[in-house]
Amino acid sequence: MHQVLVIEDEPAIRNVLKVLLEAERYRVIEAESALRAEIESRSHKPDLLLLDLGLPDGDGLAIIRRVRAWSPVPIIVLSARAQEQQKIAALDAGADDYVTKPFSAPELLARVRAALRRNVRGADQRGVLTFGAVRIDLEKRAASGADGEIHLTPLEYRVIESLARHLGAIVTQQQLIREVWGPERLGDSRGLRVCIMNLRGKIESDPHKPRYLLTEAGLGYRLRAEDA
């Protein structure tokens, strides 16, 4: 289940978005201010942000820039600001899409699906990774092996997605921690090591001699898929 952070100060609009998204089986997190947006984005690490630019305690453009400093999460701006230069400013700040209010519900949901697909394809053009008998569908967040379904936690999916965006290349520990846990956890590598160990137990036939999730001593980790 994908998590969507709705950043909107109008309760009525938040409620409408919550109903729309939950009907499509998204988990919704809400923030009514710029301060709460930053707290929720760092603590929940959502899969997508729906952001109103006009917030009572700050401008949405600043939120986009701050989030972009540590995360590639898709950001869709949902705003009453309809002038071209305002749209350009949001896109230049790092937003992925811009929807003006009032909005069409089917169109908004289509844009959400498209943004999530683009994010997955940015990690892996097929959206599916194969590790021997193990198959992970990043878009559907489903994993299976020779013995059936494999349960991956949301944290484990985020680590796999971050590594898959650089498939075959070294990803440093600090980069992984920044993208998955947030910049405030940069000094804490223990959680990453535990997550890597758990992932190897789920995708490697011999976790002590990994073939796919490799450690690069002193640097970080490298992910290799079956056909990469």
C-alpha atoms as a PDB file:
ATOM      1  CA  MET A   1       0.000   0.000   0.000  1.00  0.00           C
ATOM      2  CA  HIS A   2       1.538   3.306  -1.106  1.00  0.00           C
ATOM      3  CA  GLN A   3       1.613   6.165   1.394  1.00  0.00           C
ATOM      4  CA  VAL A   4       0.566   9.632   0.241  1.00  0.00           C
ATOM      5  CA  LEU A   5       1.255  12.723   2.341  1.00  0.00           C
ATOM      6  CA  VAL A   6      -1.448  15.363   1.778  1.00  0.00           C
ATOM      7  CA  ILE A   7      -0.178  18.836   2.706  1.00  0.00           C
ATOM      8  CA  GLU A   8      -3.198  21.135   2.730  1.00  0.00           C
ATOM      9  CA  ASP A   9      -4.425  23.697   5.263  1.00  0.00           C
ATOM     10  CA  GLU A  10      -8.118  23.540   4.269  1.00  0.00           C
ATOM     11  CA  PRO A  11      -9.813  20.709   6.237  1.00  0.00           C
ATOM     12  CA  ALA A  12     -12.586  20.276   3.663  1.00  0.00           C
ATOM     13  CA  ILE A  13     -10.110  19.758   0.809  1.00  0.00           C
ATOM     14  CA  ARG A  14      -8.002  17.412   2.957  1.00  0.00           C
ATOM     15  CA  ASN A  15     -11.098  15.341   3.656  1.00  0.00           C
ATOM     16  CA  VAL A  16     -12.000  15.138  -0.038  1.00  0.00           C
ATOM     17  CA  LEU A  17      -8.466  14.053  -0.941  1.00  0.00           C
ATOM     18  CA  LYS A  18      -8.416  11.517   1.879  1.00  0.00           C
ATOM     19  CA  VAL A  19     -11.662   9.919   0.671  1.00  0.00           C
ATOM     20  CA  LEU A  20     -10.467   9.839  -2.965  1.00  0.00           C
ATOM     21  CA  LEU A  21      -7.092   8.331  -2.151  1.00  0.00           C
ATOM     22  CA  GLU A  22      -8.300   5.800   0.389  1.00  0.00           C
ATOM     23  CA  ALA A  23     -10.906   4.599  -2.110  1.00  0.00           C
ATOM     24  CA  GLU A  24      -7.947   3.734  -4.361  1.00  0.00           C
ATOM     25  CA  ARG A  25      -6.262   1.903  -1.450  1.00  0.00           C
ATOM     26  CA  TYR A  26      -3.608   4.504  -0.705  1.00  0.00           C
ATOM     27  CA  ARG A  27      -2.675   5.149   2.901  1.00  0.00           C
ATOM     28  CA  VAL A  28      -3.122   8.861   3.619  1.00  0.00           C
ATOM     29  CA  ILE A  29      -1.025  10.965   5.998  1.00  0.00           C
ATOM     30  CA  GLU A  30      -2.157  14.540   6.614  1.00  0.00           C
ATOM     31  CA  ALA A  31      -0.298  17.787   7.312  1.00  0.00           C
ATOM     32  CA  GLU A  32      -1.994  21.168   7.679  1.00  0.00           C
ATOM     33  CA  SER A  33       1.125  23.329   7.797  1.00  0.00           C
ATOM     34  CA  ALA A  34       4.678  23.597   6.476  1.00  0.00           C
ATOM     35  CA  LEU A  35       6.059  22.560   9.860  1.00  0.00           C
ATOM     36  CA  ARG A  36       3.896  19.432  10.012  1.00  0.00           C
ATOM     37  CA  ALA A  37       4.734  18.670   6.377  1.00  0.00           C
ATOM     38  CA  GLU A  38       8.427  18.503   7.163  1.00  0.00           C
ATOM     39  CA  ILE A  39       7.876  16.406  10.290  1.00  0.00           C
ATOM     40  CA  GLU A  40       5.552  13.940   8.550  1.00  0.00           C
ATOM     41  CA  SER A  41       7.699  13.633   5.415  1.00  0.00           C
ATOM     42  CA  ARG A  42      10.761  12.772   7.482  1.00  0.00           C
ATOM     43  CA  SER A  43       9.023  10.403   9.897  1.00  0.00           C
ATOM     44  CA  HIS A  44       6.789   8.505   7.445  1.00  0.00           C
ATOM     45  CA  LYS A  45       8.929   8.698   4.262  1.00  0.00           C
ATOM     46  CA  PRO A  46       5.788   8.727   2.039  1.00  0.00           C
ATOM     47  CA  ASP A  47       5.775   7.457  -1.540  1.00  0.00           C
ATOM     48  CA  LEU A  48       4.233  10.681  -2.869  1.00  0.00           C
ATOM     49  CA  LEU A  49       3.482  14.222  -1.685  1.00  0.00           C
ATOM     50  CA  LEU A  50       0.345  16.178  -2.649  1.00  0.00           C
ATOM     51  CA  LEU A  51       1.231  19.760  -1.790  1.00  0.00           C
ATOM     52  CA  ASP A  52      -0.704  23.019  -1.606  1.00  0.00           C
ATOM     53  CA  LEU A  53       1.635  25.991  -2.090  1.00  0.00           C
ATOM     54  CA  GLY A  54      -0.299  28.423   0.105  1.00  0.00           C
ATOM     55  CA  LEU A  55       0.232  27.304   3.691  1.00  0.00           C
ATOM     56  CA  PRO A  56      -0.328  29.428   6.824  1.00  0.00           C
ATOM     57  CA  ASP A  57       3.250  29.184   8.099  1.00  0.00           C
ATOM     58  CA  GLY A  58       5.303  29.084   4.910  1.00  0.00           C
ATOM     59  CA  ASP A  59       5.420  28.768   1.161  1.00  0.00           C
ATOM     60  CA  GLY A  60       5.164  25.358  -0.487  1.00  0.00           C
ATOM     61  CA  LEU A  61       8.175  26.083  -2.687  1.00  0.00           C
ATOM     62  CA  ALA A  62      10.394  26.017   0.405  1.00  0.00           C
ATOM     63  CA  ILE A  63       8.985  22.602   1.338  1.00  0.00           C
ATOM     64  CA  ILE A  64       9.772  21.269  -2.139  1.00  0.00           C
ATOM     65  CA  ARG A  65      13.368  22.492  -1.907  1.00  0.00           C
ATOM     66  CA  ARG A  66      13.878  21.079   1.587  1.00  0.00           C
ATOM     67  CA  VAL A  67      12.458  17.681   0.651  1.00  0.00           C
ATOM     68  CA  ARG A  68      14.518  17.599  -2.545  1.00  0.00           C
ATOM     69  CA  ALA A  69      17.669  18.059  -0.452  1.00  0.00           C
ATOM     70  CA  TRP A  70      17.277  14.491   0.815  1.00  0.00           C
ATOM     71  CA  SER A  71      14.600  12.641  -1.120  1.00  0.00           C
ATOM     72  CA  PRO A  72      13.546  11.931  -4.746  1.00  0.00           C
ATOM     73  CA  VAL A  73       9.930  11.260  -3.658  1.00  0.00           C
ATOM     74  CA  PRO A  74       7.378  12.352  -6.307  1.00  0.00           C
ATOM     75  CA  ILE A  75       5.752  15.701  -5.500  1.00  0.00           C
ATOM     76  CA  ILE A  76       2.495  16.853  -7.102  1.00  0.00           C
ATOM     77  CA  VAL A  77       1.533  20.466  -6.447  1.00  0.00           C
ATOM     78  CA  LEU A  78      -2.192  21.020  -5.963  1.00  0.00           C
ATOM     79  CA  SER A  79      -2.755  24.767  -5.911  1.00  0.00           C
ATOM     80  CA  ALA A  80      -5.133  27.578  -6.794  1.00  0.00           C
ATOM     81  CA  ARG A  81      -2.175  29.492  -8.236  1.00  0.00           C
ATOM     82  CA  ALA A  82      -2.775  29.162 -11.959  1.00  0.00           C
ATOM     83  CA  GLN A  83      -0.290  31.599 -13.482  1.00  0.00           C
ATOM     84  CA  GLU A  84       2.365  30.116 -15.719  1.00  0.00           C
ATOM     85  CA  GLN A  85       5.312  31.597 -13.822  1.00  0.00           C
ATOM     86  CA  GLN A  86       4.026  30.070 -10.573  1.00  0.00           C
ATOM     87  CA  LYS A  87       3.828  26.649 -12.181  1.00  0.00           C
ATOM     88  CA  ILE A  88       7.333  27.053 -13.602  1.00  0.00           C
ATOM     89  CA  ALA A  89       8.675  28.091 -10.194  1.00  0.00           C
ATOM     90  CA  ALA A  90       7.228  24.957  -8.574  1.00  0.00           C
ATOM     91  CA  LEU A  91       8.593  22.665 -11.275  1.00  0.00           C
ATOM     92  CA  ASP A  92      11.999  24.351 -11.142  1.00  0.00           C
ATOM     93  CA  ALA A  93      12.042  23.892  -7.359  1.00  0.00           C
ATOM     94  CA  GLY A  94      11.689  20.141  -7.863  1.00  0.00           C
ATOM     95  CA  ALA A  95       7.973  19.348  -8.190  1.00  0.00           C
ATOM     96  CA  ASP A  96       7.063  16.560 -10.623  1.00  0.00           C
ATOM     97  CA  ASP A  97       3.604  17.781 -11.615  1.00  0.00           C
ATOM     98  CA  TYR A  98       1.187  20.670 -11.091  1.00  0.00           C
ATOM     99  CA  VAL A  99      -2.595  20.467 -10.789  1.00  0.00           C
ATOM    100  CA  THR A 100      -4.725  23.603 -10.403  1.00  0.00           C
ATOM    101  CA  LYS A 101      -7.787  23.917  -8.186  1.00  0.00           C
ATOM    102  CA  PRO A 102     -10.603  23.190  -8.692  1.00  0.00           C
ATOM    103  CA  PHE A 103      -9.426  19.785  -9.875  1.00  0.00           C
ATOM    104  CA  SER A 104     -10.959  16.777 -11.573  1.00  0.00           C
ATOM    105  CA  ALA A 105     -10.838  13.750  -9.274  1.00  0.00           C
ATOM    106  CA  PRO A 106     -10.215  11.190 -12.064  1.00  0.00           C
ATOM    107  CA  GLU A 107      -7.449  13.356 -13.544  1.00  0.00           C
ATOM    108  CA  LEU A 108      -5.780  13.851 -10.166  1.00  0.00           C
ATOM    109  CA  LEU A 109      -5.827  10.124  -9.449  1.00  0.00           C
ATOM    110  CA  ALA A 110      -4.402   9.429 -12.913  1.00  0.00           C
ATOM    111  CA  ARG A 111      -1.564  11.877 -12.225  1.00  0.00           C
ATOM    112  CA  VAL A 112      -0.881  10.200  -8.874  1.00  0.00           C
ATOM    113  CA  ARG A 113      -0.661   6.788 -10.562  1.00  0.00           C
ATOM    114  CA  ALA A 114       1.588   8.192 -13.279  1.00  0.00           C
ATOM    115  CA  ALA A 115       3.929   9.837 -10.757  1.00  0.00           C
ATOM    116  CA  LEU A 116       4.248   6.600  -8.783  1.00  0.00           C
ATOM    117  CA  ARG A 117       4.948   4.664 -11.986  1.00  0.00           C
ATOM    118  CA  ARG A 118       7.623   7.152 -13.039  1.00  0.00           C
ATOM    119  CA  ASN A 119       9.264   6.846  -9.652  1.00  0.00           C
ATOM    120  CA  VAL A 120       9.377   3.057  -9.931  1.00  0.00           C
ATOM    121  CA  ARG A 121      10.724   3.235 -13.483  1.00  0.00           C
ATOM    122  CA  GLY A 122      13.375   5.634 -12.292  1.00  0.00           C
ATOM    123  CA  ALA A 123      14.478   2.850  -9.971  1.00  0.00           C
ATOM    124  CA  ASP A 124      14.157   0.113 -12.567  1.00  0.00           C
ATOM    125  CA  GLN A 125      12.778   0.444 -16.078  1.00  0.00           C
ATOM    126  CA  ARG A 126      10.844  -2.812 -15.786  1.00  0.00           C
ATOM    127  CA  GLY A 127       9.502  -2.197 -12.298  1.00  0.00           C
ATOM    128  CA  VAL A 128      10.393  -5.843 -11.541  1.00  0.00           C
ATOM    129  CA  LEU A 129      13.641  -7.192 -10.079  1.00  0.00           C
ATOM    130  CA  THR A 130      14.651 -10.845 -10.225  1.00  0.00           C
ATOM    131  CA  PHE A 131      17.112 -12.465  -7.825  1.00  0.00           C
ATOM    132  CA  GLY A 132      17.258 -16.144  -8.720  1.00  0.00           C
ATOM    133  CA  ALA A 133      13.887 -17.582  -7.725  1.00  0.00           C
ATOM    134  CA  VAL A 134      12.906 -14.328  -5.992  1.00  0.00           C
ATOM    135  CA  ARG A 135      10.844 -11.753  -7.882  1.00  0.00           C
ATOM    136  CA  ILE A 136      10.113  -8.257  -6.534  1.00  0.00           C
ATOM    137  CA  ASP A 137       7.521  -6.045  -8.214  1.00  0.00           C
ATOM    138  CA  LEU A 138       8.363  -2.523  -7.052  1.00  0.00           C
ATOM    139  CA  GLU A 139       5.207  -0.908  -8.422  1.00  0.00           C
ATOM    140  CA  LYS A 140       2.832  -3.401  -6.796  1.00  0.00           C
ATOM    141  CA  ARG A 141       5.089  -3.840  -3.767  1.00  0.00           C
ATOM    142  CA  ALA A 142       4.810  -7.595  -4.015  1.00  0.00           C
ATOM    143  CA  ALA A 143       7.562 -10.182  -3.601  1.00  0.00           C
ATOM    144  CA  SER A 144       7.553 -13.926  -4.148  1.00  0.00           C
ATOM    145  CA  GLY A 145       9.994 -16.814  -4.137  1.00  0.00           C
ATOM    146  CA  ALA A 146      10.102 -20.557  -4.687  1.00  0.00           C
ATOM    147  CA  ASP A 147       8.001 -21.108  -1.558  1.00  0.00           C
ATOM    148  CA  GLY A 148       5.423 -18.417  -2.284  1.00  0.00           C
ATOM    149  CA  GLU A 149       4.912 -14.888  -1.030  1.00  0.00           C
ATOM    150  CA  ILE A 150       7.776 -13.045   0.672  1.00  0.00           C
ATOM    151  CA  HIS A 151       6.934 -10.280   3.109  1.00  0.00           C
ATOM    152  CA  LEU A 152       9.045  -7.142   2.783  1.00  0.00           C
ATOM    153  CA  THR A 153       8.507  -4.243   5.166  1.00  0.00           C
ATOM    154  CA  PRO A 154       7.946  -0.691   3.849  1.00  0.00           C
ATOM    155  CA  LEU A 155      11.469   0.153   5.028  1.00  0.00           C
ATOM    156  CA  GLU A 156      12.936  -2.793   3.105  1.00  0.00           C
ATOM    157  CA  TYR A 157      11.077  -1.742  -0.042  1.00  0.00           C
ATOM    158  CA  ARG A 158      12.509   1.768   0.272  1.00  0.00           C
ATOM    159  CA  VAL A 159      16.042   0.400   0.592  1.00  0.00           C
ATOM    160  CA  ILE A 160      15.563  -1.859  -2.449  1.00  0.00           C
ATOM    161  CA  GLU A 161      14.085   1.042  -4.458  1.00  0.00           C
ATOM    162  CA  SER A 162      16.965   3.329  -3.524  1.00  0.00           C
ATOM    163  CA  LEU A 163      19.532   0.711  -4.538  1.00  0.00           C
ATOM    164  CA  ALA A 164      17.610  -0.120  -7.723  1.00  0.00           C
ATOM    165  CA  ARG A 165      17.768   3.500  -8.861  1.00  0.00           C
ATOM    166  CA  HIS A 166      21.507   2.878  -9.202  1.00  0.00           C
ATOM    167  CA  LEU A 167      21.322  -0.758 -10.267  1.00  0.00           C
ATOM    168  CA  GLY A 168      24.794  -2.240 -10.614  1.00  0.00           C
ATOM    169  CA  ALA A 169      26.509   0.824  -9.137  1.00  0.00           C
ATOM    170  CA  ILE A 170      27.818   1.515  -5.641  1.00  0.00           C
ATOM    171  CA  VAL A 171      25.466   3.446  -3.373  1.00  0.00           C
ATOM    172  CA  THR A 172      27.167   4.870  -0.303  1.00  0.00           C
ATOM    173  CA  GLN A 173      25.854   4.229   3.197  1.00  0.00           C
ATOM    174  CA  GLN A 174      25.264   7.947   3.693  1.00  0.00           C
ATOM    175  CA  GLN A 175      23.250   8.230   0.477  1.00  0.00           C
ATOM    176  CA  LEU A 176      21.070   5.268   1.452  1.00  0.00           C
ATOM    177  CA  ILE A 177      20.493   6.597   4.953  1.00  0.00           C
ATOM    178  CA  ARG A 178      19.660  10.070   3.585  1.00  0.00           C
ATOM    179  CA  GLU A 179      17.121   8.723   1.073  1.00  0.00           C
ATOM    180  CA  VAL A 180      15.504   6.101   3.309  1.00  0.00           C
ATOM    181  CA  TRP A 181      15.730   7.442   6.865  1.00  0.00           C
ATOM    182  CA  GLY A 182      16.368  11.142   6.282  1.00  0.00           C
ATOM    183  CA  PRO A 183      19.348  13.464   6.845  1.00  0.00           C
ATOM    184  CA  GLU A 184      18.827  13.600  10.612  1.00  0.00           C
ATOM    185  CA  ARG A 185      19.919   9.926  10.815  1.00  0.00           C
ATOM    186  CA  LEU A 186      23.154  10.266   8.813  1.00  0.00           C
ATOM    187  CA  GLY A 187      25.313   9.292  11.784  1.00  0.00           C
ATOM    188  CA  ASP A 188      23.370   6.092  12.464  1.00  0.00           C
ATOM    189  CA  SER A 189      24.386   3.196  10.207  1.00  0.00           C
ATOM    190  CA  ARG A 190      23.183   0.394  12.491  1.00  0.00           C
ATOM    191  CA  GLY A 191      19.596   0.506  11.169  1.00  0.00           C
ATOM    192  CA  LEU A 192      20.891   0.222   7.610  1.00  0.00           C
ATOM    193  CA  ARG A 193      23.096  -2.775   8.460  1.00  0.00           C
ATOM    194  CA  VAL A 194      20.178  -4.543  10.144  1.00  0.00           C
ATOM    195  CA  CYS A 195      17.909  -3.831   7.156  1.00  0.00           C
ATOM    196  CA  ILE A 196      20.527  -5.142   4.692  1.00  0.00           C
ATOM    197  CA  MET A 197      20.960  -8.292   6.786  1.00  0.00           C
ATOM    198  CA  ASN A 198      17.189  -8.888   6.829  1.00  0.00           C
ATOM    199  CA  LEU A 199      16.896  -8.283   3.084  1.00  0.00           C
ATOM    200  CA  ARG A 200      19.655 -10.792   2.360  1.00  0.00           C
ATOM    201  CA  GLY A 201      17.792 -13.344   4.421  1.00  0.00           C
ATOM    202  CA  LYS A 202      14.802 -12.862   2.129  1.00  0.00           C
ATOM    203  CA  ILE A 203      16.356 -12.563  -1.358  1.00  0.00           C
ATOM    204  CA  GLU A 204      19.638 -14.514  -1.166  1.00  0.00           C
ATOM    205  CA  SER A 205      19.815 -18.322  -1.316  1.00  0.00           C
ATOM    206  CA  ASP A 206      22.889 -18.057   0.952  1.00  0.00           C
ATOM    207  CA  PRO A 207      22.816 -14.774   2.906  1.00  0.00           C
ATOM    208  CA  HIS A 208      26.398 -15.366   4.105  1.00  0.00           C
ATOM    209  CA  LYS A 209      27.623 -15.470   0.485  1.00  0.00           C
ATOM    210  CA  PRO A 210      25.413 -12.876  -1.220  1.00  0.00           C
ATOM    211  CA  ARG A 211      25.179 -12.770  -5.007  1.00  0.00           C
ATOM    212  CA  TYR A 212      22.782  -9.847  -5.410  1.00  0.00           C
ATOM    213  CA  LEU A 213      23.010  -7.477  -2.435  1.00  0.00           C
ATOM    214  CA  LEU A 214      26.742  -6.876  -2.168  1.00  0.00           C
ATOM    215  CA  THR A 215      28.803  -4.968   0.384  1.00  0.00           C
ATOM    216  CA  GLU A 216      31.482  -2.664  -0.969  1.00  0.00           C
ATOM    217  CA  ALA A 217      33.891  -2.432   1.967  1.00  0.00           C
ATOM    218  CA  GLY A 218      34.272   1.080   3.312  1.00  0.00           C
ATOM    219  CA  LEU A 219      31.864   2.518   0.715  1.00  0.00           C
ATOM    220  CA  GLY A 220      28.350   1.121   0.764  1.00  0.00           C
ATOM    221  CA  TYR A 221      26.302  -1.414  -1.162  1.00  0.00           C
ATOM    222  CA  ARG A 222      25.661  -2.573  -4.710  1.00  0.00           C
ATOM    223  CA  LEU A 223      22.489  -4.256  -5.998  1.00  0.00           C
ATOM    224  CA  ARG A 224      22.698  -6.729  -8.866  1.00  0.00           C
ATOM    225  CA  ALA A 225      19.582  -8.216 -10.440  1.00  0.00           C
ATOM    226  CA  GLU A 226      19.539 -11.546 -12.297  1.00  0.00           C
ATOM    227  CA  ASP A 227      19.732  -9.999 -15.773  1.00  0.00           C
ATOM    228  CA  ALA A 228      21.755  -6.859 -14.888  1.00  0.00           C
END
